[in-house]
Amino acid sequence: SPEAKVLFLGDGLCQEMFTGEWSYDLKDVKERFQKIKNLPCDWYVNSHWPPQNAEDFADWCDRMIETGELVGDLTDFDEAEEAFARETGKDPDPDAKFMLDSYVWGNLKRMKDGACE
């Protein structure tokens, strides 16, 4: 609602789930998340977790983008987890592993479609 500065996102932040495994594409994530987090909202409501204030939502978006940048063009799940561990000094928890895997699946889909350089 514009007056309350609340954005109801529904599933607007979810992975691509219509072809194969659920996946993220870093270019898409950057564009989509930047647009959403820059809207003049005080609260963001997603279908799958509690409402987040603007600062927490922006931090989450930044972490999602950083995770995608960490994965880069990797197409091996173990290599993505190793990169995460090197970068953060800890093994990925289940949530981080899910996000890492989502980016790896996105890379694999792009390779299959011939879109990777």
N, C-alpha and C. Protein backbone atom coordinates (compact mmCIF):
# COMPACT_ATOMS: atom_id res chain seq x y z
N SER A 1 0.84 -1.18 0.00
CA SER A 1 0.00 0.00 0.00
C SER A 1 0.88 1.24 0.00
N PRO A 2 0.65 2.19 -0.88
CA PRO A 2 1.51 3.38 -0.98
C PRO A 2 1.52 4.23 0.29
N GLU A 3 0.37 4.39 0.94
CA GLU A 3 0.32 5.23 2.13
C GLU A 3 1.13 4.64 3.27
N ALA A 4 1.07 3.35 3.44
CA ALA A 4 1.78 2.68 4.53
C ALA A 4 3.22 2.36 4.15
N LYS A 5 3.57 2.55 2.89
CA LYS A 5 4.91 2.23 2.39
C LYS A 5 5.27 0.77 2.66
N VAL A 6 4.31 -0.11 2.37
CA VAL A 6 4.51 -1.56 2.50
C VAL A 6 4.41 -2.16 1.11
N LEU A 7 5.40 -2.96 0.75
CA LEU A 7 5.39 -3.64 -0.54
C LEU A 7 5.16 -5.12 -0.31
N PHE A 8 4.09 -5.64 -0.89
CA PHE A 8 3.80 -7.06 -0.83
C PHE A 8 4.43 -7.72 -2.05
N LEU A 9 5.46 -8.51 -1.80
CA LEU A 9 6.26 -9.08 -2.87
C LEU A 9 5.72 -10.41 -3.41
N GLY A 10 4.90 -11.07 -2.62
CA GLY A 10 4.46 -12.41 -3.04
C GLY A 10 5.67 -13.29 -3.26
N ASP A 11 5.77 -13.91 -4.44
CA ASP A 11 6.91 -14.75 -4.80
C ASP A 11 7.89 -14.02 -5.72
N GLY A 12 7.87 -12.70 -5.71
CA GLY A 12 8.67 -11.91 -6.64
C GLY A 12 10.18 -12.04 -6.47
N LEU A 13 10.63 -12.63 -5.38
CA LEU A 13 12.07 -12.80 -5.17
C LEU A 13 12.51 -14.25 -5.34
N CYS A 14 11.56 -15.10 -5.69
CA CYS A 14 11.88 -16.53 -5.80
C CYS A 14 12.74 -16.84 -7.01
N GLN A 15 13.31 -18.01 -6.96
CA GLN A 15 14.12 -18.49 -8.07
C GLN A 15 13.25 -18.76 -9.28
N GLU A 16 13.92 -18.89 -10.44
CA GLU A 16 13.25 -19.35 -11.66
C GLU A 16 12.94 -20.82 -11.41
N MET A 17 11.67 -21.18 -11.52
CA MET A 17 11.28 -22.54 -11.15
C MET A 17 10.46 -23.24 -12.23
N PHE A 18 10.46 -22.69 -13.43
CA PHE A 18 9.60 -23.25 -14.47
C PHE A 18 10.32 -24.23 -15.37
N THR A 19 11.65 -24.19 -15.39
CA THR A 19 12.41 -25.14 -16.20
C THR A 19 13.48 -25.77 -15.33
N GLY A 20 13.34 -27.03 -15.04
CA GLY A 20 14.36 -27.75 -14.27
C GLY A 20 14.42 -27.31 -12.82
N GLU A 21 15.61 -27.43 -12.26
CA GLU A 21 15.83 -27.09 -10.85
C GLU A 21 15.62 -25.59 -10.63
N TRP A 22 15.21 -25.26 -9.42
CA TRP A 22 15.05 -23.85 -9.07
C TRP A 22 16.40 -23.17 -9.16
N SER A 23 16.44 -21.98 -9.74
CA SER A 23 17.73 -21.36 -9.97
C SER A 23 17.64 -19.84 -9.95
N TYR A 24 18.81 -19.24 -9.69
CA TYR A 24 18.98 -17.79 -9.81
C TYR A 24 19.99 -17.50 -10.90
N ASP A 25 19.78 -16.38 -11.57
CA ASP A 25 20.73 -15.85 -12.54
C ASP A 25 21.20 -14.51 -11.97
N LEU A 26 22.51 -14.36 -11.80
CA LEU A 26 23.03 -13.18 -11.12
C LEU A 26 22.60 -11.88 -11.79
N LYS A 27 22.65 -11.82 -13.10
CA LYS A 27 22.25 -10.59 -13.80
C LYS A 27 20.80 -10.24 -13.47
N ASP A 28 19.92 -11.23 -13.51
CA ASP A 28 18.51 -11.00 -13.18
C ASP A 28 18.35 -10.57 -11.73
N VAL A 29 19.03 -11.26 -10.82
CA VAL A 29 18.93 -10.93 -9.40
C VAL A 29 19.37 -9.49 -9.16
N LYS A 30 20.50 -9.11 -9.73
CA LYS A 30 20.99 -7.74 -9.53
C LYS A 30 19.96 -6.71 -10.00
N GLU A 31 19.46 -6.90 -11.20
CA GLU A 31 18.49 -5.95 -11.75
C GLU A 31 17.21 -5.91 -10.94
N ARG A 32 16.66 -7.08 -10.67
CA ARG A 32 15.37 -7.16 -9.98
C ARG A 32 15.47 -6.67 -8.55
N PHE A 33 16.47 -7.13 -7.81
CA PHE A 33 16.59 -6.77 -6.40
C PHE A 33 16.94 -5.30 -6.23
N GLN A 34 17.78 -4.74 -7.12
CA GLN A 34 18.12 -3.32 -7.03
C GLN A 34 16.86 -2.47 -7.21
N LYS A 35 16.05 -2.81 -8.21
CA LYS A 35 14.81 -2.06 -8.44
C LYS A 35 13.90 -2.12 -7.22
N ILE A 36 13.74 -3.30 -6.68
CA ILE A 36 12.81 -3.48 -5.56
C ILE A 36 13.32 -2.78 -4.31
N LYS A 37 14.61 -2.98 -3.98
CA LYS A 37 15.10 -2.39 -2.73
C LYS A 37 15.20 -0.87 -2.79
N ASN A 38 15.20 -0.30 -3.99
CA ASN A 38 15.26 1.16 -4.11
C ASN A 38 13.88 1.81 -4.13
N LEU A 39 12.82 1.03 -4.03
CA LEU A 39 11.48 1.62 -3.95
C LEU A 39 11.32 2.32 -2.61
N PRO A 40 10.49 3.34 -2.54
CA PRO A 40 10.32 4.10 -1.28
C PRO A 40 9.42 3.35 -0.30
N CYS A 41 9.90 2.22 0.20
CA CYS A 41 9.11 1.39 1.12
C CYS A 41 9.78 1.34 2.49
N ASP A 42 8.95 1.22 3.50
CA ASP A 42 9.45 1.03 4.86
C ASP A 42 9.45 -0.44 5.24
N TRP A 43 8.56 -1.22 4.62
CA TRP A 43 8.42 -2.65 4.93
C TRP A 43 8.25 -3.46 3.65
N TYR A 44 8.83 -4.65 3.66
CA TYR A 44 8.74 -5.59 2.55
C TYR A 44 8.16 -6.89 3.08
N VAL A 45 7.11 -7.37 2.43
CA VAL A 45 6.44 -8.59 2.87
C VAL A 45 6.55 -9.62 1.76
N ASN A 46 7.26 -10.69 2.05
CA ASN A 46 7.44 -11.80 1.11
C ASN A 46 6.53 -12.95 1.54
N SER A 47 6.21 -13.82 0.62
CA SER A 47 5.32 -14.94 0.93
C SER A 47 5.93 -15.95 1.89
N HIS A 48 7.25 -15.98 2.02
CA HIS A 48 7.88 -17.11 2.69
C HIS A 48 8.67 -16.78 3.95
N TRP A 49 8.69 -15.52 4.39
CA TRP A 49 9.34 -15.20 5.65
C TRP A 49 8.68 -13.96 6.24
N PRO A 50 8.98 -13.68 7.49
CA PRO A 50 8.34 -12.53 8.15
C PRO A 50 8.68 -11.21 7.45
N PRO A 51 7.83 -10.19 7.64
CA PRO A 51 8.10 -8.87 7.06
C PRO A 51 9.49 -8.36 7.48
N GLN A 52 10.10 -7.59 6.59
CA GLN A 52 11.41 -7.02 6.87
C GLN A 52 11.34 -5.50 6.70
N ASN A 53 12.01 -4.78 7.61
CA ASN A 53 12.09 -3.34 7.41
C ASN A 53 13.04 -3.07 6.25
N ALA A 54 13.05 -1.83 5.78
CA ALA A 54 13.82 -1.48 4.58
C ALA A 54 15.31 -1.79 4.73
N GLU A 55 15.86 -1.51 5.90
CA GLU A 55 17.30 -1.75 6.11
C GLU A 55 17.62 -3.24 6.07
N ASP A 56 16.83 -4.05 6.77
CA ASP A 56 17.07 -5.50 6.77
C ASP A 56 16.87 -6.09 5.38
N PHE A 57 15.86 -5.60 4.68
CA PHE A 57 15.61 -6.09 3.32
C PHE A 57 16.78 -5.74 2.40
N ALA A 58 17.28 -4.52 2.48
CA ALA A 58 18.42 -4.11 1.65
C ALA A 58 19.65 -4.95 1.97
N ASP A 59 19.88 -5.23 3.26
CA ASP A 59 21.01 -6.08 3.65
C ASP A 59 20.85 -7.48 3.06
N TRP A 60 19.64 -8.02 3.12
CA TRP A 60 19.39 -9.36 2.56
C TRP A 60 19.64 -9.37 1.06
N CYS A 61 19.15 -8.34 0.36
CA CYS A 61 19.39 -8.25 -1.09
C CYS A 61 20.88 -8.20 -1.39
N ASP A 62 21.61 -7.41 -0.62
CA ASP A 62 23.05 -7.30 -0.83
C ASP A 62 23.74 -8.65 -0.61
N ARG A 63 23.33 -9.39 0.41
CA ARG A 63 23.90 -10.72 0.66
C ARG A 63 23.60 -11.68 -0.48
N MET A 64 22.38 -11.58 -1.02
CA MET A 64 22.02 -12.44 -2.15
C MET A 64 22.89 -12.13 -3.37
N ILE A 65 23.12 -10.87 -3.63
CA ILE A 65 23.97 -10.47 -4.76
C ILE A 65 25.42 -10.91 -4.50
N GLU A 66 25.90 -10.70 -3.28
CA GLU A 66 27.26 -11.13 -2.93
C GLU A 66 27.42 -12.64 -3.09
N THR A 67 26.40 -13.40 -2.72
CA THR A 67 26.46 -14.85 -2.89
C THR A 67 26.57 -15.21 -4.37
N GLY A 68 25.78 -14.55 -5.21
CA GLY A 68 25.86 -14.80 -6.64
C GLY A 68 27.22 -14.42 -7.22
N GLU A 69 27.77 -13.32 -6.74
CA GLU A 69 29.10 -12.90 -7.21
C GLU A 69 30.16 -13.89 -6.76
N LEU A 70 30.01 -14.43 -5.56
CA LEU A 70 30.95 -15.43 -5.06
C LEU A 70 30.90 -16.69 -5.94
N VAL A 71 29.70 -17.11 -6.32
CA VAL A 71 29.56 -18.30 -7.17
C VAL A 71 30.11 -18.00 -8.57
N GLY A 72 29.90 -16.77 -9.04
CA GLY A 72 30.39 -16.42 -10.37
C GLY A 72 29.86 -17.37 -11.43
N ASP A 73 30.75 -17.93 -12.23
CA ASP A 73 30.36 -18.87 -13.28
C ASP A 73 30.55 -20.33 -12.89
N LEU A 74 30.74 -20.60 -11.60
CA LEU A 74 30.96 -21.98 -11.16
C LEU A 74 29.77 -22.87 -11.54
N THR A 75 30.07 -24.07 -11.94
CA THR A 75 29.03 -25.05 -12.29
C THR A 75 29.17 -26.33 -11.47
N ASP A 76 29.98 -26.27 -10.43
CA ASP A 76 30.18 -27.42 -9.55
C ASP A 76 29.73 -27.03 -8.15
N PHE A 77 28.84 -27.82 -7.58
CA PHE A 77 28.27 -27.50 -6.27
C PHE A 77 29.33 -27.49 -5.17
N ASP A 78 30.21 -28.48 -5.19
CA ASP A 78 31.27 -28.55 -4.18
C ASP A 78 32.20 -27.34 -4.28
N GLU A 79 32.54 -26.94 -5.49
CA GLU A 79 33.41 -25.77 -5.66
C GLU A 79 32.74 -24.51 -5.12
N ALA A 80 31.44 -24.39 -5.30
CA ALA A 80 30.72 -23.22 -4.77
C ALA A 80 30.77 -23.23 -3.24
N GLU A 81 30.58 -24.39 -2.64
CA GLU A 81 30.65 -24.47 -1.17
C GLU A 81 32.05 -24.18 -0.67
N GLU A 82 33.07 -24.66 -1.38
CA GLU A 82 34.45 -24.38 -1.00
C GLU A 82 34.75 -22.89 -1.12
N ALA A 83 34.26 -22.25 -2.17
CA ALA A 83 34.46 -20.81 -2.34
C ALA A 83 33.80 -20.05 -1.18
N PHE A 84 32.61 -20.47 -0.80
CA PHE A 84 31.91 -19.85 0.32
C PHE A 84 32.73 -19.99 1.61
N ALA A 85 33.22 -21.20 1.85
CA ALA A 85 34.01 -21.46 3.07
C ALA A 85 35.29 -20.62 3.08
N ARG A 86 35.95 -20.51 1.94
CA ARG A 86 37.16 -19.68 1.87
C ARG A 86 36.84 -18.21 2.15
N GLU A 87 35.74 -17.73 1.58
CA GLU A 87 35.37 -16.32 1.71
C GLU A 87 34.89 -15.97 3.12
N THR A 88 34.11 -16.86 3.72
CA THR A 88 33.48 -16.55 5.01
C THR A 88 34.18 -17.17 6.21
N GLY A 89 35.04 -18.16 5.97
CA GLY A 89 35.71 -18.85 7.07
C GLY A 89 34.84 -19.87 7.76
N LYS A 90 33.71 -20.23 7.14
CA LYS A 90 32.83 -21.24 7.73
C LYS A 90 32.11 -21.99 6.61
N ASP A 91 31.67 -23.19 6.94
CA ASP A 91 30.90 -23.97 5.98
C ASP A 91 29.52 -23.36 5.83
N PRO A 92 28.93 -23.47 4.64
CA PRO A 92 27.58 -22.90 4.45
C PRO A 92 26.54 -23.66 5.27
N ASP A 93 25.65 -22.89 5.91
CA ASP A 93 24.52 -23.50 6.60
C ASP A 93 23.49 -23.91 5.54
N PRO A 94 22.42 -24.59 5.91
CA PRO A 94 21.45 -25.04 4.89
C PRO A 94 20.89 -23.91 4.02
N ASP A 95 20.63 -22.74 4.60
CA ASP A 95 20.11 -21.62 3.80
C ASP A 95 21.15 -21.14 2.79
N ALA A 96 22.39 -21.00 3.22
CA ALA A 96 23.45 -20.57 2.30
C ALA A 96 23.67 -21.62 1.21
N LYS A 97 23.63 -22.89 1.60
CA LYS A 97 23.81 -23.96 0.61
C LYS A 97 22.71 -23.91 -0.44
N PHE A 98 21.49 -23.66 -0.02
CA PHE A 98 20.37 -23.55 -0.95
C PHE A 98 20.59 -22.41 -1.94
N MET A 99 21.06 -21.27 -1.45
CA MET A 99 21.32 -20.14 -2.33
C MET A 99 22.48 -20.42 -3.27
N LEU A 100 23.56 -21.00 -2.75
CA LEU A 100 24.70 -21.37 -3.60
C LEU A 100 24.24 -22.31 -4.71
N ASP A 101 23.49 -23.33 -4.32
CA ASP A 101 22.99 -24.30 -5.29
C ASP A 101 22.10 -23.64 -6.34
N SER A 102 21.30 -22.67 -5.91
CA SER A 102 20.41 -21.97 -6.84
C SER A 102 21.20 -21.23 -7.92
N TYR A 103 22.30 -20.62 -7.53
CA TYR A 103 23.14 -19.93 -8.51
C TYR A 103 23.87 -20.93 -9.41
N VAL A 104 24.35 -22.03 -8.84
CA VAL A 104 25.02 -23.06 -9.66
C VAL A 104 24.03 -23.61 -10.68
N TRP A 105 22.80 -23.91 -10.25
CA TRP A 105 21.79 -24.40 -11.20
C TRP A 105 21.54 -23.38 -12.30
N GLY A 106 21.52 -22.10 -11.95
CA GLY A 106 21.34 -21.07 -12.97
C GLY A 106 22.46 -21.09 -13.99
N ASN A 107 23.70 -21.26 -13.52
CA ASN A 107 24.84 -21.35 -14.43
C ASN A 107 24.73 -22.58 -15.33
N LEU A 108 24.31 -23.70 -14.75
CA LEU A 108 24.17 -24.93 -15.54
C LEU A 108 23.09 -24.76 -16.61
N LYS A 109 21.99 -24.10 -16.26
CA LYS A 109 20.92 -23.85 -17.24
C LYS A 109 21.43 -22.97 -18.37
N ARG A 110 22.17 -21.92 -18.03
CA ARG A 110 22.69 -21.03 -19.07
C ARG A 110 23.68 -21.76 -19.97
N MET A 111 24.50 -22.63 -19.39
CA MET A 111 25.44 -23.42 -20.20
C MET A 111 24.67 -24.30 -21.19
N LYS A 112 23.63 -24.94 -20.67
CA LYS A 112 22.81 -25.83 -21.49
C LYS A 112 22.18 -25.04 -22.65
N ASP A 113 21.76 -23.81 -22.34
CA ASP A 113 21.13 -22.97 -23.36
C ASP A 113 22.14 -22.23 -24.22
N GLY A 114 23.44 -22.42 -23.93
CA GLY A 114 24.48 -21.76 -24.71
C GLY A 114 24.66 -20.30 -24.38
N ALA A 115 24.18 -19.87 -23.22
CA ALA A 115 24.24 -18.45 -22.87
C ALA A 115 25.49 -18.08 -22.07
N CYS A 116 26.27 -19.07 -21.63
CA CYS A 116 27.49 -18.76 -20.86
C CYS A 116 28.62 -18.42 -21.81
N GLU A 117 29.39 -17.44 -21.42
CA GLU A 117 30.56 -17.08 -22.24
C GLU A 117 31.76 -17.83 -21.78
